Protein backbone atom coordinates (compact mmCIF):
# COMPACT_ATOMS: atom_id res chain seq x y z
CA UNK A 1 12.67 37.85 -32.28
CA UNK A 2 9.08 36.56 -32.25
CA UNK A 3 8.49 38.63 -29.12
CA UNK A 4 8.91 41.81 -31.14
CA UNK A 5 6.49 41.19 -34.02
CA UNK A 6 3.56 42.30 -31.79
CA UNK A 7 5.28 45.72 -31.73
CA UNK A 8 4.26 46.09 -35.37
CA UNK A 9 0.68 45.11 -34.49
CA UNK A 10 0.69 47.38 -31.43
CA UNK A 11 1.47 50.34 -33.67
CA UNK A 12 -1.55 49.46 -35.78
CA UNK A 13 -3.73 50.13 -32.76
CA UNK A 14 -1.96 53.02 -31.06
CA UNK A 15 -1.14 54.97 -34.19
CA UNK A 16 -4.65 54.87 -35.58
CA UNK A 17 -5.55 58.02 -33.65
CA UNK A 18 -2.92 59.88 -35.71
CA UNK A 19 -4.58 59.28 -39.07
CA UNK A 20 -3.68 62.09 -41.45
CA UNK A 21 -6.22 64.50 -42.93
CA UNK A 22 -4.77 64.01 -46.43
CA UNK A 23 -6.41 61.37 -48.67
CA UNK A 24 -3.48 59.03 -48.10
CA UNK A 25 -0.23 59.31 -46.13
CA UNK A 26 2.45 56.59 -46.20
CA UNK A 27 5.27 56.38 -43.66
CA UNK A 28 8.08 54.02 -42.67
CA UNK A 29 6.47 51.52 -40.27
CA UNK A 30 9.31 51.83 -37.77
CA UNK A 31 10.32 55.49 -37.73
CA UNK A 32 6.89 57.04 -38.53
CA UNK A 33 8.77 60.13 -39.79
CA UNK A 34 6.38 62.26 -41.85
CA UNK A 35 7.66 62.85 -45.38
CA UNK A 36 10.55 60.42 -45.00
CA UNK A 37 10.84 57.93 -47.90
CA UNK A 38 10.22 54.21 -47.70
CA UNK A 39 12.35 51.45 -49.22
CA UNK A 40 11.49 48.51 -51.48
CA UNK A 41 10.97 45.40 -49.37
CA UNK A 42 10.53 47.50 -46.23
CA UNK A 43 7.49 47.78 -44.00
CA UNK A 44 5.21 50.80 -44.36
CA UNK A 45 1.98 52.19 -42.91
CA UNK A 46 -0.79 53.95 -44.83
CA UNK A 47 -3.08 56.38 -43.00
CA UNK A 48 -6.36 57.59 -44.43
CA UNK A 49 -10.12 57.12 -44.47
CA UNK A 50 -10.61 53.68 -45.99
CA UNK A 51 -14.39 53.39 -46.24
CA UNK A 52 -15.51 49.78 -46.17
CA UNK A 53 -12.40 48.43 -44.44
CA UNK A 54 -12.97 46.85 -40.99
CA UNK A 55 -13.10 49.01 -37.88
CA UNK A 56 -10.72 48.32 -35.00
CA UNK A 57 -9.46 45.81 -34.03
CA UNK A 58 -9.27 45.38 -37.80
CA UNK A 59 -7.90 42.33 -39.59
CA UNK A 60 -4.42 40.80 -39.32
CA UNK A 61 -2.65 38.33 -41.60
CA UNK A 62 -2.64 34.98 -39.82
CA UNK A 63 0.14 33.22 -41.72
CA UNK A 64 2.94 33.55 -44.26
CA UNK A 65 3.11 34.55 -47.00
CA UNK A 66 1.16 37.70 -46.24
CA UNK A 67 -1.81 38.06 -48.62
CA UNK A 68 -2.20 40.85 -51.14
CA UNK A 69 -5.92 40.99 -50.32
CA UNK A 70 -7.01 41.17 -46.67
CA UNK A 71 -10.54 41.98 -45.51
CA UNK A 72 -11.46 42.80 -49.13
CA UNK A 73 -8.71 45.46 -49.15
CA UNK A 74 -5.72 45.91 -51.46
CA UNK A 75 -2.82 48.39 -51.54
CA UNK A 76 -1.32 49.01 -54.98
CA UNK A 77 2.17 50.54 -55.11
CA UNK A 78 2.98 51.62 -58.68
CA UNK A 79 0.20 49.26 -59.72
CA UNK A 80 1.65 46.25 -57.87
CA UNK A 81 -0.39 44.66 -55.06
CA UNK A 82 1.51 44.85 -51.76
CA UNK A 83 1.56 42.11 -49.09
CA UNK A 84 -0.70 43.17 -46.20
CA UNK A 85 -0.14 42.56 -42.50
CA UNK A 86 -2.89 44.68 -40.92
CA UNK A 87 -6.00 46.41 -42.29
CA UNK A 88 -8.43 48.81 -40.62
CA UNK A 89 -10.65 51.69 -41.71
CA UNK A 90 -7.92 54.23 -40.81
CA UNK A 91 -4.62 52.38 -41.10
CA UNK A 92 -3.01 49.67 -43.23
CA UNK A 93 0.36 48.04 -42.52
CA UNK A 94 2.04 46.54 -45.58
CA UNK A 95 5.30 45.56 -47.23
CA UNK A 96 6.52 47.76 -50.08
CA UNK A 97 6.92 45.48 -53.14
CA UNK A 98 10.59 44.88 -53.85
CA UNK A 99 10.19 45.72 -57.54
CA UNK A 100 9.09 49.27 -56.69
CA UNK A 101 11.18 51.85 -58.52
CA UNK A 102 12.88 54.82 -56.88
CA UNK A 103 11.40 58.30 -56.82
CA UNK A 104 7.85 59.43 -56.16
CA UNK A 105 5.35 56.63 -56.79
CA UNK A 106 1.57 56.27 -56.69
CA UNK A 107 -0.16 54.39 -53.86
CA UNK A 108 -3.82 53.36 -54.18
CA UNK A 109 -6.09 51.67 -51.64
CA UNK A 110 -8.97 49.56 -52.94
CA UNK A 111 -11.82 48.13 -50.85
CA UNK A 112 -14.21 45.68 -52.50
CA UNK A 113 -12.70 46.57 -55.86
CA UNK A 114 -13.29 50.33 -55.55
CA UNK A 115 -10.60 52.97 -55.01
CA UNK A 116 -11.17 54.63 -51.64
CA UNK A 117 -7.91 56.57 -51.25
CA UNK A 118 -4.86 57.50 -53.29
CA UNK A 119 -1.63 59.42 -52.83
CA UNK A 120 2.11 59.25 -53.38
CA UNK A 121 5.23 58.32 -51.45
CA UNK A 122 8.93 58.81 -52.11
CA UNK A 123 10.99 55.63 -52.45
CA UNK A 124 14.74 55.34 -51.87
CA UNK A 125 16.99 52.30 -52.02
CA UNK A 126 17.38 52.49 -48.22
CA UNK A 127 15.22 54.14 -45.56
CA UNK A 128 16.38 52.84 -42.16
CA UNK A 129 13.94 52.91 -39.27
CA UNK A 130 14.14 51.36 -35.80
CA UNK A 131 10.94 50.21 -34.12
CA UNK A 132 10.11 52.08 -30.91
CA UNK A 133 8.62 50.60 -27.74
CA UNK A 134 8.19 53.80 -25.77
CA UNK A 135 7.19 57.45 -26.21
CA UNK A 136 9.39 60.15 -27.66
CA UNK A 137 11.56 62.23 -27.26
CA UNK A 138 13.78 59.41 -25.93
CA UNK A 139 12.01 56.29 -27.19
CA UNK A 140 13.03 52.81 -26.13
CA UNK A 141 14.17 50.91 -29.21
CA UNK A 142 12.83 47.46 -30.06
CA UNK A 143 15.91 45.63 -28.85
CA UNK A 144 16.62 42.20 -27.37
CA UNK A 145 19.47 41.48 -25.00
CA UNK A 146 21.92 38.64 -25.56
CA UNK A 147 19.66 36.28 -23.56
CA UNK A 148 16.69 37.24 -25.83
CA UNK A 149 14.96 39.25 -23.08
CA UNK A 150 13.37 42.53 -24.16
CA UNK A 151 15.70 45.39 -23.28
CA UNK A 152 14.42 47.97 -20.79
CA UNK A 153 15.26 49.70 -17.49
CA UNK A 154 14.62 46.45 -15.59
CA UNK A 155 16.29 44.23 -18.18
CA UNK A 156 19.54 45.84 -19.27
CA UNK A 157 22.25 44.78 -21.70
CA UNK A 158 25.80 44.31 -20.46
CA UNK A 159 28.82 45.93 -22.08
CA UNK A 160 30.58 43.46 -24.32
CA UNK A 161 27.39 41.51 -25.04
CA UNK A 162 25.40 41.33 -28.27
CA UNK A 163 22.07 43.11 -28.67
CA UNK A 164 19.51 42.52 -31.42
CA UNK A 165 18.06 45.70 -32.95
CA UNK A 166 14.83 45.50 -34.98
CA UNK A 167 13.74 47.85 -37.72
CA UNK A 168 12.94 48.02 -41.42
CA UNK A 169 14.10 49.74 -44.61
CA UNK A 170 17.52 48.13 -44.92
CA UNK A 171 17.33 47.91 -48.71
CA UNK A 172 18.35 45.03 -50.99
CA UNK A 173 19.26 41.59 -49.70
CA UNK A 174 22.08 39.28 -50.76
CA UNK A 175 19.60 36.43 -51.29
CA UNK A 176 16.30 37.44 -52.82
CA UNK A 177 13.12 36.74 -50.85
CA UNK A 178 9.67 36.80 -52.45
CA UNK A 179 7.32 39.58 -51.35
CA UNK A 180 5.28 38.63 -48.29
CA UNK A 181 7.60 35.77 -47.36
CA UNK A 182 10.35 35.38 -44.79
CA UNK A 183 13.82 34.06 -45.65
CA UNK A 184 14.85 30.60 -44.53
CA UNK A 185 16.60 31.07 -42.25
CA UNK A 186 17.88 34.61 -43.06
CA UNK A 187 19.22 36.88 -45.78
CA UNK A 188 21.94 39.46 -45.17
CA UNK A 189 21.54 43.05 -46.30
CA UNK A 190 23.69 44.25 -49.19
CA UNK A 191 24.48 47.50 -47.38
CA UNK A 192 26.08 47.03 -43.97
CA UNK A 193 24.87 49.70 -41.53
CA UNK A 194 26.91 51.90 -39.26
CA UNK A 195 25.72 51.62 -35.66
CA UNK A 196 26.32 54.42 -33.14
CA UNK A 197 25.91 53.80 -29.42
CA UNK A 198 26.38 56.89 -27.22
CA UNK A 199 28.09 58.51 -30.25
CA UNK A 200 30.60 55.63 -30.48
CA UNK A 201 30.74 54.16 -33.98
CA UNK A 202 30.91 50.40 -33.82
CA UNK A 203 33.57 48.61 -35.85
CA UNK A 204 32.72 46.20 -38.64
CA UNK A 205 33.60 43.35 -36.28
CA UNK A 206 31.15 44.69 -33.67
CA UNK A 207 28.25 44.70 -36.16
CA UNK A 208 27.98 40.94 -36.53
CA UNK A 209 24.78 40.67 -38.61
CA UNK A 210 22.43 42.83 -40.66
CA UNK A 211 19.57 41.32 -42.60
CA UNK A 212 16.04 39.96 -42.62
CA UNK A 213 15.10 36.97 -40.50
CA UNK A 214 11.82 35.49 -39.36
CA UNK A 215 9.26 37.86 -40.94
CA UNK A 216 8.83 39.82 -44.19
CA UNK A 217 10.70 43.12 -44.17
CA UNK A 218 11.70 42.86 -40.50
CA UNK A 219 15.33 44.02 -40.32
CA UNK A 220 17.60 42.65 -37.61
CA UNK A 221 20.99 44.02 -36.61
CA UNK A 222 23.22 42.16 -34.16
CA UNK A 223 25.74 44.46 -32.51
CA UNK A 224 28.21 44.29 -29.62
CA UNK A 225 27.78 46.94 -26.92
CA UNK A 226 31.20 48.65 -26.60
CA UNK A 227 32.98 47.87 -23.34
CA UNK A 228 33.45 51.48 -22.27
CA UNK A 229 32.65 52.66 -18.77
CA UNK A 230 30.72 55.77 -19.86
CA UNK A 231 28.21 53.63 -21.78
CA UNK A 232 25.73 53.01 -18.97
CA UNK A 233 22.10 53.75 -18.12
CA UNK A 234 19.76 54.88 -20.89
CA UNK A 235 22.00 55.45 -23.91
CA UNK A 236 21.22 56.73 -27.42
CA UNK A 237 21.40 54.49 -30.47
CA UNK A 238 21.15 55.39 -34.14
CA UNK A 239 21.79 53.43 -37.33
CA UNK A 240 23.05 54.92 -40.62
CA UNK A 241 23.09 53.38 -44.10
CA UNK A 242 24.79 55.24 -46.97
CA UNK A 243 24.61 58.49 -44.96
CA UNK A 244 20.86 58.04 -44.35
CA UNK A 245 20.20 58.02 -40.57
CA UNK A 246 17.46 56.14 -38.77
CA UNK A 247 15.18 57.67 -36.18
CA UNK A 248 17.10 58.08 -32.88
CA UNK A 249 16.25 55.55 -30.19
CA UNK A 250 17.63 54.48 -26.81
CA UNK A 251 18.30 51.31 -24.85
CA UNK A 252 19.49 50.42 -21.36
CA UNK A 253 22.97 49.27 -20.32
CA UNK A 254 24.07 47.95 -16.95
CA UNK A 255 26.13 50.33 -14.77
């Protein structure tokens, strides 16, 4: 799983060119769907013009727990300081505090104690997103094969094997984890997701794990690739929690 954390950092560089014109725009850090809510405990990205924050390559949290002040910058969600992973003058990656209430909430960015941007974001109990490693419209999902290799056209999963899917926004956990910290060793999600591979809904037995492990707010799903002959090549994958779908992604399966 450690191989995939740089995906989060990679987005903080590549997505900076998409900074919104509004004073502040907050999106799910995995799906990047405009206007789609975030979830308490999930990872989010704020776009704006944060005068006084460092220019690229910005500043990145170097250890756990993630700090609530990074490069003299804070993000306040409903008045609560959020753990920060990455800060730049156009983009901030952070964890939504788990105590955040549902509905539309205020988000404020402070640099050197002064408010430089403010806005709102909608918060739901769950807001599933899968990290993407490739461009749309058929993005490669952030997925590891059973041997922990990164899935791709030259490194495909086999039918009947377990893949690890990485995202955020899974909602509450069975064992509480403090903001900015990672569970030791993991905490399962309260809501078990439905996983669809090539439109095949996996059984409860085929979804072997759903929870947070290794890093704050980083959701991991372990799922068995159905042993069906038509599931081969680049196949679609989507995750649904309580009728809320994730962004559609793809991964590669051996012929």
